[in-house]
Amino acid sequence: MMGHDAIKLELIEWLTKLDDEETIEYLKLVKDSALSEEDWWYNLTPEQKLGIEQGLRDIDEGRVTPHEEVKEKYGL
């Protein structure tokens, strides 16, 4: 398992190559929300909220794949 410092370096490297503006804006929102008392939910776009709500419905209705099964499938 990677240590936190190694993960941070991996993320820094990934961020320097990232061109997807939507992902960059989302990550900035996450960073800023960690520094704020305001609930991050209110800063999400309608599309992001719909995606989260759909994910929660999938969980409630049992449409999920266990983490271990995914790791095994992809050899992780």
PDB file of N, CA and C in Angstrom:
ATOM      1  N   MET A   1       0.834  -1.181   0.000  1.00  0.00           N
ATOM      2  CA  MET A   1       0.000   0.000   0.000  1.00  0.00           C
ATOM      3  C   MET A   1       0.879   1.245   0.000  1.00  0.00           C
ATOM      4  N   MET A   2       0.479   2.243  -0.776  1.00  0.00           N
ATOM      5  CA  MET A   2       1.257   3.479  -0.879  1.00  0.00           C
ATOM      6  C   MET A   2       1.082   4.334   0.362  1.00  0.00           C
ATOM      7  N   GLY A   3       2.153   4.990   0.757  1.00  0.00           N
ATOM      8  CA  GLY A   3       2.066   5.944   1.848  1.00  0.00           C
ATOM      9  C   GLY A   3       1.449   7.241   1.359  1.00  0.00           C
ATOM     10  N   HIS A   4       1.041   8.073   2.294  1.00  0.00           N
ATOM     11  CA  HIS A   4       0.398   9.333   1.932  1.00  0.00           C
ATOM     12  C   HIS A   4       1.301  10.230   1.087  1.00  0.00           C
ATOM     13  N   ASP A   5       2.583  10.269   1.389  1.00  0.00           N
ATOM     14  CA  ASP A   5       3.491  11.112   0.607  1.00  0.00           C
ATOM     15  C   ASP A   5       3.578  10.639  -0.834  1.00  0.00           C
ATOM     16  N   ALA A   6       3.626   9.336  -1.046  1.00  0.00           N
ATOM     17  CA  ALA A   6       3.682   8.786  -2.402  1.00  0.00           C
ATOM     18  C   ALA A   6       2.388   9.080  -3.154  1.00  0.00           C
ATOM     19  N   ILE A   7       1.267   8.987  -2.469  1.00  0.00           N
ATOM     20  CA  ILE A   7      -0.026   9.288  -3.095  1.00  0.00           C
ATOM     21  C   ILE A   7      -0.085  10.759  -3.488  1.00  0.00           C
ATOM     22  N   LYS A   8       0.390  11.632  -2.597  1.00  0.00           N
ATOM     23  CA  LYS A   8       0.394  13.060  -2.897  1.00  0.00           C
ATOM     24  C   LYS A   8       1.238  13.344  -4.138  1.00  0.00           C
ATOM     25  N   LEU A   9       2.409  12.744  -4.220  1.00  0.00           N
ATOM     26  CA  LEU A   9       3.269  12.953  -5.384  1.00  0.00           C
ATOM     27  C   LEU A   9       2.610  12.440  -6.659  1.00  0.00           C
ATOM     28  N   GLU A  10       1.947  11.299  -6.566  1.00  0.00           N
ATOM     29  CA  GLU A  10       1.229  10.747  -7.718  1.00  0.00           C
ATOM     30  C   GLU A  10       0.121  11.700  -8.168  1.00  0.00           C
ATOM     31  N   LEU A  11      -0.602  12.258  -7.201  1.00  0.00           N
ATOM     32  CA  LEU A  11      -1.668  13.203  -7.527  1.00  0.00           C
ATOM     33  C   LEU A  11      -1.113  14.488  -8.143  1.00  0.00           C
ATOM     34  N   ILE A  12       0.000  14.980  -7.611  1.00  0.00           N
ATOM     35  CA  ILE A  12       0.623  16.184  -8.162  1.00  0.00           C
ATOM     36  C   ILE A  12       1.015  15.946  -9.616  1.00  0.00           C
ATOM     37  N   GLU A  13       1.625  14.815  -9.877  1.00  0.00           N
ATOM     38  CA  GLU A  13       2.031  14.487 -11.253  1.00  0.00           C
ATOM     39  C   GLU A  13       0.808  14.424 -12.163  1.00  0.00           C
ATOM     40  N   TRP A  14      -0.255  13.782 -11.689  1.00  0.00           N
ATOM     41  CA  TRP A  14      -1.486  13.664 -12.474  1.00  0.00           C
ATOM     42  C   TRP A  14      -2.090  15.040 -12.739  1.00  0.00           C
ATOM     43  N   LEU A  15      -2.118  15.904 -11.706  1.00  0.00           N
ATOM     44  CA  LEU A  15      -2.690  17.236 -11.863  1.00  0.00           C
ATOM     45  C   LEU A  15      -1.930  18.077 -12.886  1.00  0.00           C
ATOM     46  N   THR A  16      -0.614  17.937 -12.927  1.00  0.00           N
ATOM     47  CA  THR A  16       0.166  18.742 -13.868  1.00  0.00           C
ATOM     48  C   THR A  16      -0.146  18.381 -15.314  1.00  0.00           C
ATOM     49  N   LYS A  17      -0.663  17.175 -15.550  1.00  0.00           N
ATOM     50  CA  LYS A  17      -0.982  16.727 -16.908  1.00  0.00           C
ATOM     51  C   LYS A  17      -2.475  16.831 -17.226  1.00  0.00           C
ATOM     52  N   LEU A  18      -3.271  17.202 -16.252  1.00  0.00           N
ATOM     53  CA  LEU A  18      -4.720  17.223 -16.401  1.00  0.00           C
ATOM     54  C   LEU A  18      -5.169  18.393 -17.272  1.00  0.00           C
ATOM     55  N   ASP A  19      -5.981  18.098 -18.308  1.00  0.00           N
ATOM     56  CA  ASP A  19      -6.489  19.129 -19.207  1.00  0.00           C
ATOM     57  C   ASP A  19      -7.999  19.306 -19.102  1.00  0.00           C
ATOM     58  N   ASP A  20      -8.681  18.445 -18.381  1.00  0.00           N
ATOM     59  CA  ASP A  20     -10.139  18.479 -18.285  1.00  0.00           C
ATOM     60  C   ASP A  20     -10.570  19.609 -17.350  1.00  0.00           C
ATOM     61  N   GLU A  21     -11.111  20.680 -17.935  1.00  0.00           N
ATOM     62  CA  GLU A  21     -11.473  21.849 -17.121  1.00  0.00           C
ATOM     63  C   GLU A  21     -12.537  21.541 -16.080  1.00  0.00           C
ATOM     64  N   GLU A  22     -13.488  20.682 -16.410  1.00  0.00           N
ATOM     65  CA  GLU A  22     -14.545  20.345 -15.457  1.00  0.00           C
ATOM     66  C   GLU A  22     -13.959  19.653 -14.231  1.00  0.00           C
ATOM     67  N   THR A  23     -13.025  18.742 -14.445  1.00  0.00           N
ATOM     68  CA  THR A  23     -12.382  18.045 -13.330  1.00  0.00           C
ATOM     69  C   THR A  23     -11.553  19.017 -12.504  1.00  0.00           C
ATOM     70  N   ILE A  24     -10.848  19.921 -13.162  1.00  0.00           N
ATOM     71  CA  ILE A  24     -10.041  20.910 -12.452  1.00  0.00           C
ATOM     72  C   ILE A  24     -10.931  21.800 -11.586  1.00  0.00           C
ATOM     73  N   GLU A  25     -12.047  22.255 -12.138  1.00  0.00           N
ATOM     74  CA  GLU A  25     -12.975  23.089 -11.363  1.00  0.00           C
ATOM     75  C   GLU A  25     -13.560  22.314 -10.187  1.00  0.00           C
ATOM     76  N   TYR A  26     -13.890  21.044 -10.406  1.00  0.00           N
ATOM     77  CA  TYR A  26     -14.421  20.216  -9.328  1.00  0.00           C
ATOM     78  C   TYR A  26     -13.389  20.058  -8.206  1.00  0.00           C
ATOM     79  N   LEU A  27     -12.143  19.786  -8.573  1.00  0.00           N
ATOM     80  CA  LEU A  27     -11.093  19.626  -7.566  1.00  0.00           C
ATOM     81  C   LEU A  27     -10.861  20.923  -6.795  1.00  0.00           C
ATOM     82  N   LYS A  28     -10.938  22.051  -7.467  1.00  0.00           N
ATOM     83  CA  LYS A  28     -10.810  23.341  -6.777  1.00  0.00           C
ATOM     84  C   LYS A  28     -11.957  23.521  -5.797  1.00  0.00           C
ATOM     85  N   LEU A  29     -13.155  23.133  -6.200  1.00  0.00           N
ATOM     86  CA  LEU A  29     -14.316  23.212  -5.330  1.00  0.00           C
ATOM     87  C   LEU A  29     -14.112  22.353  -4.081  1.00  0.00           C
ATOM     88  N   VAL A  30     -13.594  21.144  -4.264  1.00  0.00           N
ATOM     89  CA  VAL A  30     -13.331  20.255  -3.127  1.00  0.00           C
ATOM     90  C   VAL A  30     -12.304  20.884  -2.200  1.00  0.00           C
ATOM     91  N   LYS A  31     -11.230  21.418  -2.776  1.00  0.00           N
ATOM     92  CA  LYS A  31     -10.193  22.062  -1.958  1.00  0.00           C
ATOM     93  C   LYS A  31     -10.757  23.247  -1.181  1.00  0.00           C
ATOM     94  N   ASP A  32     -11.489  24.100  -1.869  1.00  0.00           N
ATOM     95  CA  ASP A  32     -12.045  25.285  -1.216  1.00  0.00           C
ATOM     96  C   ASP A  32     -13.073  24.913  -0.155  1.00  0.00           C
ATOM     97  N   SER A  33     -13.836  23.869  -0.393  1.00  0.00           N
ATOM     98  CA  SER A  33     -14.856  23.484   0.579  1.00  0.00           C
ATOM     99  C   SER A  33     -14.222  22.935   1.851  1.00  0.00           C
ATOM    100  N   ALA A  34     -13.031  22.384   1.745  1.00  0.00           N
ATOM    101  CA  ALA A  34     -12.337  21.874   2.930  1.00  0.00           C
ATOM    102  C   ALA A  34     -11.930  23.032   3.852  1.00  0.00           C
ATOM    103  N   LEU A  35     -11.796  24.211   3.280  1.00  0.00           N
ATOM    104  CA  LEU A  35     -11.395  25.383   4.050  1.00  0.00           C
ATOM    105  C   LEU A  35     -12.583  26.208   4.525  1.00  0.00           C
ATOM    106  N   SER A  36     -13.772  25.815   4.087  1.00  0.00           N
ATOM    107  CA  SER A  36     -14.966  26.607   4.345  1.00  0.00           C
ATOM    108  C   SER A  36     -15.894  25.913   5.326  1.00  0.00           C
ATOM    109  N   GLU A  37     -16.689  26.707   5.996  1.00  0.00           N
ATOM    110  CA  GLU A  37     -17.716  26.180   6.901  1.00  0.00           C
ATOM    111  C   GLU A  37     -18.979  25.839   6.116  1.00  0.00           C
ATOM    112  N   GLU A  38     -19.074  26.324   4.880  1.00  0.00           N
ATOM    113  CA  GLU A  38     -20.250  26.143   4.043  1.00  0.00           C
ATOM    114  C   GLU A  38     -20.331  24.699   3.549  1.00  0.00           C
ATOM    115  N   ASP A  39     -21.531  24.181   3.427  1.00  0.00           N
ATOM    116  CA  ASP A  39     -21.749  22.824   2.934  1.00  0.00           C
ATOM    117  C   ASP A  39     -21.409  22.766   1.444  1.00  0.00           C
ATOM    118  N   TRP A  40     -20.516  21.855   1.066  1.00  0.00           N
ATOM    119  CA  TRP A  40     -20.063  21.747  -0.318  1.00  0.00           C
ATOM    120  C   TRP A  40     -21.193  21.392  -1.285  1.00  0.00           C
ATOM    121  N   TRP A  41     -22.265  20.773  -0.803  1.00  0.00           N
ATOM    122  CA  TRP A  41     -23.372  20.363  -1.671  1.00  0.00           C
ATOM    123  C   TRP A  41     -23.927  21.558  -2.449  1.00  0.00           C
ATOM    124  N   TYR A  42     -23.991  22.703  -1.797  1.00  0.00           N
ATOM    125  CA  TYR A  42     -24.587  23.880  -2.425  1.00  0.00           C
ATOM    126  C   TYR A  42     -23.720  24.471  -3.530  1.00  0.00           C
ATOM    127  N   ASN A  43     -22.489  24.041  -3.623  1.00  0.00           N
ATOM    128  CA  ASN A  43     -21.591  24.535  -4.662  1.00  0.00           C
ATOM    129  C   ASN A  43     -21.507  23.609  -5.868  1.00  0.00           C
ATOM    130  N   LEU A  44     -22.178  22.473  -5.814  1.00  0.00           N
ATOM    131  CA  LEU A  44     -22.151  21.538  -6.930  1.00  0.00           C
ATOM    132  C   LEU A  44     -23.070  22.002  -8.051  1.00  0.00           C
ATOM    133  N   THR A  45     -22.724  21.584  -9.273  1.00  0.00           N
ATOM    134  CA  THR A  45     -23.601  21.873 -10.404  1.00  0.00           C
ATOM    135  C   THR A  45     -24.805  20.938 -10.342  1.00  0.00           C
ATOM    136  N   PRO A  46     -25.895  21.299 -11.031  1.00  0.00           N
ATOM    137  CA  PRO A  46     -27.048  20.394 -11.058  1.00  0.00           C
ATOM    138  C   PRO A  46     -26.689  19.002 -11.582  1.00  0.00           C
ATOM    139  N   GLU A  47     -25.792  18.939 -12.560  1.00  0.00           N
ATOM    140  CA  GLU A  47     -25.375  17.646 -13.109  1.00  0.00           C
ATOM    141  C   GLU A  47     -24.638  16.804 -12.061  1.00  0.00           C
ATOM    142  N   GLN A  48     -23.774  17.450 -11.277  1.00  0.00           N
ATOM    143  CA  GLN A  48     -23.052  16.740 -10.233  1.00  0.00           C
ATOM    144  C   GLN A  48     -24.013  16.221  -9.167  1.00  0.00           C
ATOM    145  N   LYS A  49     -24.992  17.045  -8.792  1.00  0.00           N
ATOM    146  CA  LYS A  49     -25.983  16.608  -7.801  1.00  0.00           C
ATOM    147  C   LYS A  49     -26.787  15.427  -8.317  1.00  0.00           C
ATOM    148  N   LEU A  50     -27.202  15.474  -9.591  1.00  0.00           N
ATOM    149  CA  LEU A  50     -27.958  14.364 -10.177  1.00  0.00           C
ATOM    150  C   LEU A  50     -27.128  13.082 -10.169  1.00  0.00           C
ATOM    151  N   GLY A  51     -25.842  13.203 -10.500  1.00  0.00           N
ATOM    152  CA  GLY A  51     -24.969  12.032 -10.501  1.00  0.00           C
ATOM    153  C   GLY A  51     -24.852  11.403  -9.122  1.00  0.00           C
ATOM    154  N   ILE A  52     -24.709  12.233  -8.107  1.00  0.00           N
ATOM    155  CA  ILE A  52     -24.619  11.738  -6.731  1.00  0.00           C
ATOM    156  C   ILE A  52     -25.934  11.090  -6.320  1.00  0.00           C
ATOM    157  N   GLU A  53     -27.042  11.751  -6.636  1.00  0.00           N
ATOM    158  CA  GLU A  53     -28.355  11.203  -6.274  1.00  0.00           C
ATOM    159  C   GLU A  53     -28.601   9.863  -6.968  1.00  0.00           C
ATOM    160  N   GLN A  54     -28.182   9.747  -8.249  1.00  0.00           N
ATOM    161  CA  GLN A  54     -28.340   8.479  -8.964  1.00  0.00           C
ATOM    162  C   GLN A  54     -27.480   7.402  -8.303  1.00  0.00           C
ATOM    163  N   GLY A  55     -26.274   7.753  -7.914  1.00  0.00           N
ATOM    164  CA  GLY A  55     -25.406   6.799  -7.228  1.00  0.00           C
ATOM    165  C   GLY A  55     -26.018   6.314  -5.925  1.00  0.00           C
ATOM    166  N   LEU A  56     -26.618   7.220  -5.178  1.00  0.00           N
ATOM    167  CA  LEU A  56     -27.264   6.832  -3.922  1.00  0.00           C
ATOM    168  C   LEU A  56     -28.465   5.920  -4.173  1.00  0.00           C
ATOM    169  N   ARG A  57     -29.237   6.214  -5.249  1.00  0.00           N
ATOM    170  CA  ARG A  57     -30.362   5.323  -5.600  1.00  0.00           C
ATOM    171  C   ARG A  57     -29.852   3.938  -5.989  1.00  0.00           C
ATOM    172  N   ASP A  58     -28.758   3.901  -6.748  1.00  0.00           N
ATOM    173  CA  ASP A  58     -28.168   2.619  -7.134  1.00  0.00           C
ATOM    174  C   ASP A  58     -27.791   1.815  -5.895  1.00  0.00           C
ATOM    175  N   ILE A  59     -27.202   2.463  -4.912  1.00  0.00           N
ATOM    176  CA  ILE A  59     -26.829   1.784  -3.665  1.00  0.00           C
ATOM    177  C   ILE A  59     -28.077   1.264  -2.964  1.00  0.00           C
ATOM    178  N   ASP A  60     -29.090   2.121  -2.830  1.00  0.00           N
ATOM    179  CA  ASP A  60     -30.327   1.720  -2.156  1.00  0.00           C
ATOM    180  C   ASP A  60     -31.001   0.541  -2.843  1.00  0.00           C
ATOM    181  N   GLU A  61     -30.888   0.470  -4.166  1.00  0.00           N
ATOM    182  CA  GLU A  61     -31.563  -0.577  -4.936  1.00  0.00           C
ATOM    183  C   GLU A  61     -30.657  -1.773  -5.232  1.00  0.00           C
ATOM    184  N   GLY A  62     -29.474  -1.775  -4.646  1.00  0.00           N
ATOM    185  CA  GLY A  62     -28.587  -2.932  -4.768  1.00  0.00           C
ATOM    186  C   GLY A  62     -27.826  -3.032  -6.077  1.00  0.00           C
ATOM    187  N   ARG A  63     -27.790  -1.971  -6.865  1.00  0.00           N
ATOM    188  CA  ARG A  63     -27.057  -1.994  -8.134  1.00  0.00           C
ATOM    189  C   ARG A  63     -25.615  -1.544  -7.890  1.00  0.00           C
ATOM    190  N   VAL A  64     -24.885  -2.389  -7.184  1.00  0.00           N
ATOM    191  CA  VAL A  64     -23.495  -2.079  -6.839  1.00  0.00           C
ATOM    192  C   VAL A  64     -22.637  -3.316  -7.077  1.00  0.00           C
ATOM    193  N   THR A  65     -21.344  -3.087  -7.201  1.00  0.00           N
ATOM    194  CA  THR A  65     -20.373  -4.165  -7.317  1.00  0.00           C
ATOM    195  C   THR A  65     -19.406  -4.023  -6.156  1.00  0.00           C
ATOM    196  N   PRO A  66     -19.218  -5.093  -5.376  1.00  0.00           N
ATOM    197  CA  PRO A  66     -18.299  -5.002  -4.236  1.00  0.00           C
ATOM    198  C   PRO A  66     -16.883  -4.614  -4.673  1.00  0.00           C
ATOM    199  N   HIS A  67     -16.220  -3.822  -3.858  1.00  0.00           N
ATOM    200  CA  HIS A  67     -14.867  -3.341  -4.132  1.00  0.00           C
ATOM    201  C   HIS A  67     -13.911  -4.499  -4.419  1.00  0.00           C
ATOM    202  N   GLU A  68     -13.990  -5.549  -3.628  1.00  0.00           N
ATOM    203  CA  GLU A  68     -13.103  -6.693  -3.821  1.00  0.00           C
ATOM    204  C   GLU A  68     -13.305  -7.332  -5.190  1.00  0.00           C
ATOM    205  N   GLU A  69     -14.542  -7.374  -5.663  1.00  0.00           N
ATOM    206  CA  GLU A  69     -14.839  -7.954  -6.975  1.00  0.00           C
ATOM    207  C   GLU A  69     -14.221  -7.111  -8.098  1.00  0.00           C
ATOM    208  N   VAL A  70     -14.289  -5.804  -7.967  1.00  0.00           N
ATOM    209  CA  VAL A  70     -13.698  -4.911  -8.959  1.00  0.00           C
ATOM    210  C   VAL A  70     -12.182  -5.065  -8.962  1.00  0.00           C
ATOM    211  N   LYS A  71     -11.586  -5.100  -7.775  1.00  0.00           N
ATOM    212  CA  LYS A  71     -10.121  -5.276  -7.671  1.00  0.00           C
ATOM    213  C   LYS A  71      -9.700  -6.575  -8.336  1.00  0.00           C
ATOM    214  N   GLU A  72     -10.447  -7.642  -8.082  1.00  0.00           N
ATOM    215  CA  GLU A  72     -10.106  -8.945  -8.652  1.00  0.00           C
ATOM    216  C   GLU A  72     -10.240  -8.908 -10.176  1.00  0.00           C
ATOM    217  N   LYS A  73     -11.300  -8.296 -10.673  1.00  0.00           N
ATOM    218  CA  LYS A  73     -11.549  -8.221 -12.111  1.00  0.00           C
ATOM    219  C   LYS A  73     -10.406  -7.514 -12.841  1.00  0.00           C
ATOM    220  N   TYR A  74      -9.874  -6.442 -12.232  1.00  0.00           N
ATOM    221  CA  TYR A  74      -8.845  -5.647 -12.862  1.00  0.00           C
ATOM    222  C   TYR A  74      -7.430  -5.948 -12.349  1.00  0.00           C
ATOM    223  N   GLY A  75      -7.303  -7.022 -11.586  1.00  0.00           N
ATOM    224  CA  GLY A  75      -6.002  -7.457 -11.122  1.00  0.00           C
ATOM    225  C   GLY A  75      -5.323  -6.499 -10.170  1.00  0.00           C
ATOM    226  N   LEU A  76      -6.121  -5.875  -9.317  1.00  0.00           N
ATOM    227  CA  LEU A  76      -5.552  -4.917  -8.363  1.00  0.00           C
ATOM    228  C   LEU A  76      -5.344  -5.537  -7.007  1.00  0.00           C
TER     229      LEU A  76
END
